[in-house]
C-alpha atoms as a PDB file:
ATOM      1  CA  MET A   1     153.427 172.867 207.795  1.00  0.00           C
ATOM      2  CA  GLY A   2     153.882 175.161 204.804  1.00  0.00           C
ATOM      3  CA  ARG A   3     152.818 178.780 204.561  1.00  0.00           C
ATOM      4  CA  TRP A   4     150.024 178.063 202.103  1.00  0.00           C
ATOM      5  CA  GLU A   5     147.754 175.069 202.304  1.00  0.00           C
ATOM      6  CA  PRO A   6     145.327 174.235 199.474  1.00  0.00           C
ATOM      7  CA  ASN A   7     141.621 173.991 200.289  1.00  0.00           C
ATOM      8  CA  SER A   8     142.130 175.370 203.787  1.00  0.00           C
ATOM      9  CA  ARG A   9     138.553 176.659 204.145  1.00  0.00           C
ATOM     10  CA  GLU A  10     137.052 173.339 203.055  1.00  0.00           C
ATOM     11  CA  ARG A  11     139.415 171.333 205.254  1.00  0.00           C
ATOM     12  CA  LEU A  12     138.563 173.476 208.266  1.00  0.00           C
ATOM     13  CA  ALA A  13     134.831 173.134 207.601  1.00  0.00           C
ATOM     14  CA  ALA A  14     135.091 169.355 207.252  1.00  0.00           C
ATOM     15  CA  ALA A  15     137.172 169.079 210.436  1.00  0.00           C
ATOM     16  CA  ALA A  16     134.746 171.277 212.359  1.00  0.00           C
ATOM     17  CA  LEU A  17     131.710 169.246 211.294  1.00  0.00           C
ATOM     18  CA  GLU A  18     133.466 166.025 212.269  1.00  0.00           C
ATOM     19  CA  LEU A  19     134.408 167.370 215.682  1.00  0.00           C
ATOM     20  CA  TYR A  20     131.018 168.966 216.306  1.00  0.00           C
ATOM     21  CA  GLY A  21     129.444 165.599 215.557  1.00  0.00           C
ATOM     22  CA  GLU A  22     131.866 163.689 217.770  1.00  0.00           C
ATOM     23  CA  ARG A  23     132.148 166.049 220.754  1.00  0.00           C
ATOM     24  CA  GLY A  24     129.424 168.621 220.351  1.00  0.00           C
ATOM     25  CA  PHE A  25     129.691 172.243 219.336  1.00  0.00           C
ATOM     26  CA  GLU A  26     130.340 173.648 222.815  1.00  0.00           C
ATOM     27  CA  GLN A  27     133.101 171.170 223.621  1.00  0.00           C
ATOM     28  CA  THR A  28     135.045 171.745 220.402  1.00  0.00           C
ATOM     29  CA  THR A  29     137.748 174.417 220.295  1.00  0.00           C
ATOM     30  CA  VAL A  30     139.216 176.307 217.364  1.00  0.00           C
ATOM     31  CA  ALA A  31     142.602 174.772 218.198  1.00  0.00           C
ATOM     32  CA  GLU A  32     141.126 171.282 217.835  1.00  0.00           C
ATOM     33  CA  ILE A  33     139.504 172.168 214.527  1.00  0.00           C
ATOM     34  CA  ALA A  34     142.760 173.568 213.156  1.00  0.00           C
ATOM     35  CA  GLN A  35     144.720 170.569 214.391  1.00  0.00           C
ATOM     36  CA  ARG A  36     142.252 168.094 212.846  1.00  0.00           C
ATOM     37  CA  ALA A  37     142.540 169.964 209.530  1.00  0.00           C
ATOM     38  CA  GLY A  38     146.338 169.970 209.735  1.00  0.00           C
ATOM     39  CA  LEU A  39     146.404 173.762 209.882  1.00  0.00           C
ATOM     40  CA  THR A  40     147.124 176.490 212.411  1.00  0.00           C
ATOM     41  CA  GLU A  41     144.696 178.531 214.487  1.00  0.00           C
ATOM     42  CA  ARG A  42     145.935 181.570 212.599  1.00  0.00           C
ATOM     43  CA  THR A  43     144.803 179.956 209.347  1.00  0.00           C
ATOM     44  CA  PHE A  44     141.421 179.235 210.908  1.00  0.00           C
ATOM     45  CA  PHE A  45     140.959 182.910 211.773  1.00  0.00           C
ATOM     46  CA  ARG A  46     141.958 183.953 208.249  1.00  0.00           C
ATOM     47  CA  HIS A  47     138.870 182.117 207.022  1.00  0.00           C
ATOM     48  CA  TYR A  48     136.381 182.328 209.895  1.00  0.00           C
ATOM     49  CA  ALA A  49     135.676 184.904 212.601  1.00  0.00           C
ATOM     50  CA  ASP A  50     134.757 182.182 215.116  1.00  0.00           C
ATOM     51  CA  LYS A  51     133.739 178.541 215.262  1.00  0.00           C
ATOM     52  CA  ARG A  52     130.078 179.399 214.571  1.00  0.00           C
ATOM     53  CA  GLU A  53     131.001 180.926 211.213  1.00  0.00           C
ATOM     54  CA  VAL A  54     132.016 177.508 209.926  1.00  0.00           C
ATOM     55  CA  LEU A  55     128.303 176.676 209.944  1.00  0.00           C
ATOM     56  CA  PHE A  56     127.071 179.988 208.480  1.00  0.00           C
ATOM     57  CA  HIS A  57     129.785 181.231 206.129  1.00  0.00           C
ATOM     58  CA  GLY A  58     127.761 180.714 202.923  1.00  0.00           C
ATOM     59  CA  ALA A  59     124.713 182.705 204.035  1.00  0.00           C
ATOM     60  CA  ALA A  60     125.564 185.895 202.118  1.00  0.00           C
ATOM     61  CA  ALA A  61     126.170 184.042 198.846  1.00  0.00           C
ATOM     62  CA  LEU A  62     122.945 182.076 199.292  1.00  0.00           C
ATOM     63  CA  GLU A  63     120.999 185.287 199.914  1.00  0.00           C
ATOM     64  CA  GLN A  64     122.536 186.928 196.857  1.00  0.00           C
ATOM     65  CA  ARG A  65     121.668 183.946 194.650  1.00  0.00           C
ATOM     66  CA  PHE A  66     118.071 183.880 195.924  1.00  0.00           C
ATOM     67  CA  VAL A  67     117.571 187.633 195.451  1.00  0.00           C
ATOM     68  CA  GLN A  68     119.141 187.652 191.981  1.00  0.00           C
ATOM     69  CA  ALA A  69     116.863 184.824 190.826  1.00  0.00           C
ATOM     70  CA  VAL A  70     113.794 186.654 192.135  1.00  0.00           C
ATOM     71  CA  ALA A  71     114.918 189.834 190.357  1.00  0.00           C
ATOM     72  CA  ALA A  72     115.560 187.918 187.106  1.00  0.00           C
ATOM     73  CA  ALA A  73     112.133 186.232 187.053  1.00  0.00           C
ATOM     74  CA  PRO A  74     109.937 187.332 184.127  1.00  0.00           C
ATOM     75  CA  GLY A  75     108.330 190.711 184.741  1.00  0.00           C
ATOM     76  CA  ALA A  76     104.820 189.279 184.439  1.00  0.00           C
ATOM     77  CA  ALA A  77     105.513 186.550 187.012  1.00  0.00           C
ATOM     78  CA  ALA A  78     103.294 186.578 190.091  1.00  0.00           C
ATOM     79  CA  PRO A  79     105.199 187.339 193.319  1.00  0.00           C
ATOM     80  CA  MET A  80     105.120 183.724 194.484  1.00  0.00           C
ATOM     81  CA  ASP A  81     106.307 182.545 191.061  1.00  0.00           C
ATOM     82  CA  ALA A  82     109.284 184.909 191.333  1.00  0.00           C
ATOM     83  CA  VAL A  83     110.067 183.450 194.759  1.00  0.00           C
ATOM     84  CA  ALA A  84     109.696 179.941 193.260  1.00  0.00           C
ATOM     85  CA  ALA A  85     112.421 180.885 190.756  1.00  0.00           C
ATOM     86  CA  GLY A  86     114.584 181.862 193.715  1.00  0.00           C
ATOM     87  CA  LEU A  87     113.889 178.556 195.438  1.00  0.00           C
ATOM     88  CA  GLU A  88     114.996 176.677 192.311  1.00  0.00           C
ATOM     89  CA  ALA A  89     118.212 178.702 192.117  1.00  0.00           C
ATOM     90  CA  VAL A  90     118.986 178.050 195.775  1.00  0.00           C
ATOM     91  CA  ALA A  91     118.317 174.316 195.407  1.00  0.00           C
ATOM     92  CA  GLU A  92     121.144 174.127 192.852  1.00  0.00           C
ATOM     93  CA  VAL A  93     123.618 175.228 195.523  1.00  0.00           C
ATOM     94  CA  PHE A  94     122.922 172.096 197.544  1.00  0.00           C
ATOM     95  CA  ILE A  95     123.485 169.519 194.813  1.00  0.00           C
ATOM     96  CA  CYS A  96     126.011 167.002 196.200  1.00  0.00           C
ATOM     97  CA  LEU A  97     125.873 168.608 199.677  1.00  0.00           C
ATOM     98  CA  ARG A  98     123.210 166.460 201.337  1.00  0.00           C
ATOM     99  CA  GLU A  99     125.479 164.639 203.806  1.00  0.00           C
ATOM    100  CA  GLN A 100     127.297 167.825 204.785  1.00  0.00           C
ATOM    101  CA  SER A 101     123.932 169.578 205.166  1.00  0.00           C
ATOM    102  CA  ARG A 102     122.605 166.764 207.353  1.00  0.00           C
ATOM    103  CA  ARG A 103     125.597 166.978 209.674  1.00  0.00           C
ATOM    104  CA  ARG A 104     125.358 170.782 209.790  1.00  0.00           C
ATOM    105  CA  GLN A 105     121.647 170.646 210.567  1.00  0.00           C
ATOM    106  CA  ALA A 106     122.214 168.119 213.371  1.00  0.00           C
ATOM    107  CA  VAL A 107     124.795 170.409 214.984  1.00  0.00           C
ATOM    108  CA  ILE A 108     122.495 173.425 214.749  1.00  0.00           C
ATOM    109  CA  ALA A 109     119.501 171.482 216.091  1.00  0.00           C
ATOM    110  CA  SER A 110     121.475 170.469 219.179  1.00  0.00           C
ATOM    111  CA  ASN A 111     122.423 174.009 220.241  1.00  0.00           C
ATOM    112  CA  ALA A 112     120.036 176.831 221.187  1.00  0.00           C
ATOM    113  CA  GLU A 113     122.501 179.603 220.260  1.00  0.00           C
ATOM    114  CA  LEU A 114     122.990 178.078 216.798  1.00  0.00           C
ATOM    115  CA  ARG A 115     119.244 177.638 216.290  1.00  0.00           C
ATOM    116  CA  GLU A 116     118.820 181.323 217.118  1.00  0.00           C
ATOM    117  CA  ARG A 117     121.572 182.231 214.651  1.00  0.00           C
ATOM    118  CA  GLU A 118     119.841 180.140 211.962  1.00  0.00           C
ATOM    119  CA  LEU A 119     116.559 181.968 212.597  1.00  0.00           C
ATOM    120  CA  ILE A 120     118.343 185.317 212.305  1.00  0.00           C
ATOM    121  CA  LYS A 121     119.834 184.176 208.995  1.00  0.00           C
ATOM    122  CA  LEU A 122     116.381 183.195 207.723  1.00  0.00           C
ATOM    123  CA  ALA A 123     114.901 186.532 208.867  1.00  0.00           C
ATOM    124  CA  SER A 124     117.641 188.386 206.993  1.00  0.00           C
ATOM    125  CA  LEU A 125     116.923 186.301 203.913  1.00  0.00           C
ATOM    126  CA  SER A 126     113.210 187.068 204.188  1.00  0.00           C
ATOM    127  CA  ALA A 127     113.904 190.805 204.441  1.00  0.00           C
ATOM    128  CA  ALA A 128     116.148 190.657 201.370  1.00  0.00           C
ATOM    129  CA  LEU A 129     113.470 188.771 199.423  1.00  0.00           C
ATOM    130  CA  ALA A 130     110.800 191.275 200.446  1.00  0.00           C
ATOM    131  CA  ASP A 131     113.058 194.098 199.207  1.00  0.00           C
ATOM    132  CA  ALA A 132     113.584 192.260 195.908  1.00  0.00           C
ATOM    133  CA  LEU A 133     109.829 191.867 195.523  1.00  0.00           C
ATOM    134  CA  ARG A 134     109.280 195.566 196.289  1.00  0.00           C
ATOM    135  CA  ARG A 135     111.789 196.430 193.564  1.00  0.00           C
ATOM    136  CA  ARG A 136     109.600 194.323 191.250  1.00  0.00           C
ATOM    137  CA  GLY A 137     106.658 196.570 192.160  1.00  0.00           C
ATOM    138  CA  VAL A 138     104.997 194.313 194.748  1.00  0.00           C
ATOM    139  CA  GLN A 139     103.476 196.437 197.504  1.00  0.00           C
ATOM    140  CA  ASP A 140     103.381 195.609 201.207  1.00  0.00           C
ATOM    141  CA  PRO A 141     102.043 193.652 202.906  1.00  0.00           C
ATOM    142  CA  ALA A 142     102.088 191.327 199.852  1.00  0.00           C
ATOM    143  CA  ALA A 143     105.880 191.609 199.450  1.00  0.00           C
ATOM    144  CA  SER A 144     106.556 190.724 203.085  1.00  0.00           C
ATOM    145  CA  LEU A 145     103.942 187.969 203.187  1.00  0.00           C
ATOM    146  CA  THR A 146     105.252 186.371 200.001  1.00  0.00           C
ATOM    147  CA  ALA A 147     108.851 186.547 201.204  1.00  0.00           C
ATOM    148  CA  GLU A 148     107.944 184.961 204.549  1.00  0.00           C
ATOM    149  CA  ALA A 149     105.979 182.238 202.759  1.00  0.00           C
ATOM    150  CA  GLY A 150     108.956 181.569 200.504  1.00  0.00           C
ATOM    151  CA  ILE A 151     111.277 181.241 203.495  1.00  0.00           C
ATOM    152  CA  ALA A 152     108.787 178.871 205.157  1.00  0.00           C
ATOM    153  CA  VAL A 153     108.827 176.719 202.011  1.00  0.00           C
ATOM    154  CA  PHE A 154     112.636 176.777 202.008  1.00  0.00           C
ATOM    155  CA  LYS A 155     112.873 175.885 205.700  1.00  0.00           C
ATOM    156  CA  ILE A 156     110.339 173.032 205.599  1.00  0.00           C
ATOM    157  CA  ALA A 157     111.723 171.641 202.333  1.00  0.00           C
ATOM    158  CA  PHE A 158     115.272 171.756 203.680  1.00  0.00           C
ATOM    159  CA  GLU A 159     114.238 169.933 206.861  1.00  0.00           C
ATOM    160  CA  ARG A 160     112.521 167.253 204.758  1.00  0.00           C
ATOM    161  CA  TRP A 161     115.502 166.984 202.416  1.00  0.00           C
ATOM    162  CA  VAL A 162     118.037 166.343 205.199  1.00  0.00           C
ATOM    163  CA  ALA A 163     115.829 163.678 206.806  1.00  0.00           C
ATOM    164  CA  PRO A 164     117.516 160.266 206.590  1.00  0.00           C
ATOM    165  CA  GLU A 165     114.677 158.689 204.637  1.00  0.00           C
ATOM    166  CA  GLU A 166     114.610 161.364 201.892  1.00  0.00           C
ATOM    167  CA  ARG A 167     116.331 160.398 198.632  1.00  0.00           C
ATOM    168  CA  ARG A 168     115.180 163.115 196.226  1.00  0.00           C
ATOM    169  CA  GLU A 169     117.219 166.202 195.416  1.00  0.00           C
ATOM    170  CA  LEU A 170     116.225 169.453 197.110  1.00  0.00           C
ATOM    171  CA  SER A 171     114.515 170.998 194.081  1.00  0.00           C
ATOM    172  CA  PRO A 172     111.605 168.511 193.851  1.00  0.00           C
ATOM    173  CA  VAL A 173     111.163 168.675 197.625  1.00  0.00           C
ATOM    174  CA  MET A 174     110.899 172.472 197.412  1.00  0.00           C
ATOM    175  CA  ARG A 175     108.394 172.252 194.546  1.00  0.00           C
ATOM    176  CA  GLU A 176     106.318 169.781 196.568  1.00  0.00           C
ATOM    177  CA  CYS A 177     106.299 172.091 199.613  1.00  0.00           C
ATOM    178  CA  LEU A 178     105.361 175.037 197.413  1.00  0.00           C
ATOM    179  CA  ARG A 179     102.443 173.054 195.937  1.00  0.00           C
ATOM    180  CA  GLU A 180     101.312 172.118 199.451  1.00  0.00           C
ATOM    181  CA  LEU A 181     101.415 175.780 200.489  1.00  0.00           C
ATOM    182  CA  ARG A 182      99.446 176.844 197.432  1.00  0.00           C
ATOM    183  CA  THR A 183      96.876 174.105 198.074  1.00  0.00           C
ATOM    184  CA  ALA A 184      96.542 175.163 201.706  1.00  0.00           C
ATOM    185  CA  VAL A 185      96.133 178.831 200.785  1.00  0.00           C
ATOM    186  CA  ALA A 186      93.589 178.015 198.071  1.00  0.00           C
ATOM    187  CA  ALA A 187      91.616 175.833 200.499  1.00  0.00           C
ATOM    188  CA  ASP A 188      91.612 178.643 203.083  1.00  0.00           C
ATOM    189  CA  GLY A 189      90.434 181.070 200.417  1.00  0.00           C
ATOM    190  CA  ASP A 190      87.536 178.777 199.567  1.00  0.00           C
ATOM    191  CA  ARG A 191      86.455 178.682 203.213  1.00  0.00           C
ATOM    192  CA  ASP A 192      86.514 182.489 203.493  1.00  0.00           C
ATOM    193  CA  ARG A 193      83.877 182.893 200.780  1.00  0.00           C
END
């Protein structure tokens, strides 16, 4: 094995997903992941803090993309329209990643610790979105409510998108979920009058 291996991060991620699918997350070791990727454990730890990070390493970049799109939305955009711009920007990240996302989601769904970690990631994303909305001049509780609603749309759309029967790209699935949310909120508003 040479000192430098091209695509080490991607090879490690692919090996980890394969092994998690074959053996389960708990039963897979870092040594096995490195071996499957044709790399060393030392190389693994240069890229990931632990074997969970293989599943969550892109969270910061995803959050940054979402927040930047919300911030860049037209100034006159309603809060939920700004979040919709963020949803569109995030959907672009997942183009050509459906199968990898399905395998990742299956691993997370099968492990309580990973499900908890996913919820923490989503809560962090919601907080970042609420801050971005506040910087746009949206007051609380509207900023927090809109951010939480946007994360709910993301979560439900993502779950639909990774379902085996779904063939559409993530963007139209997100738009559909957003329309369903808006319809539900409008219907509730009609009942309150």
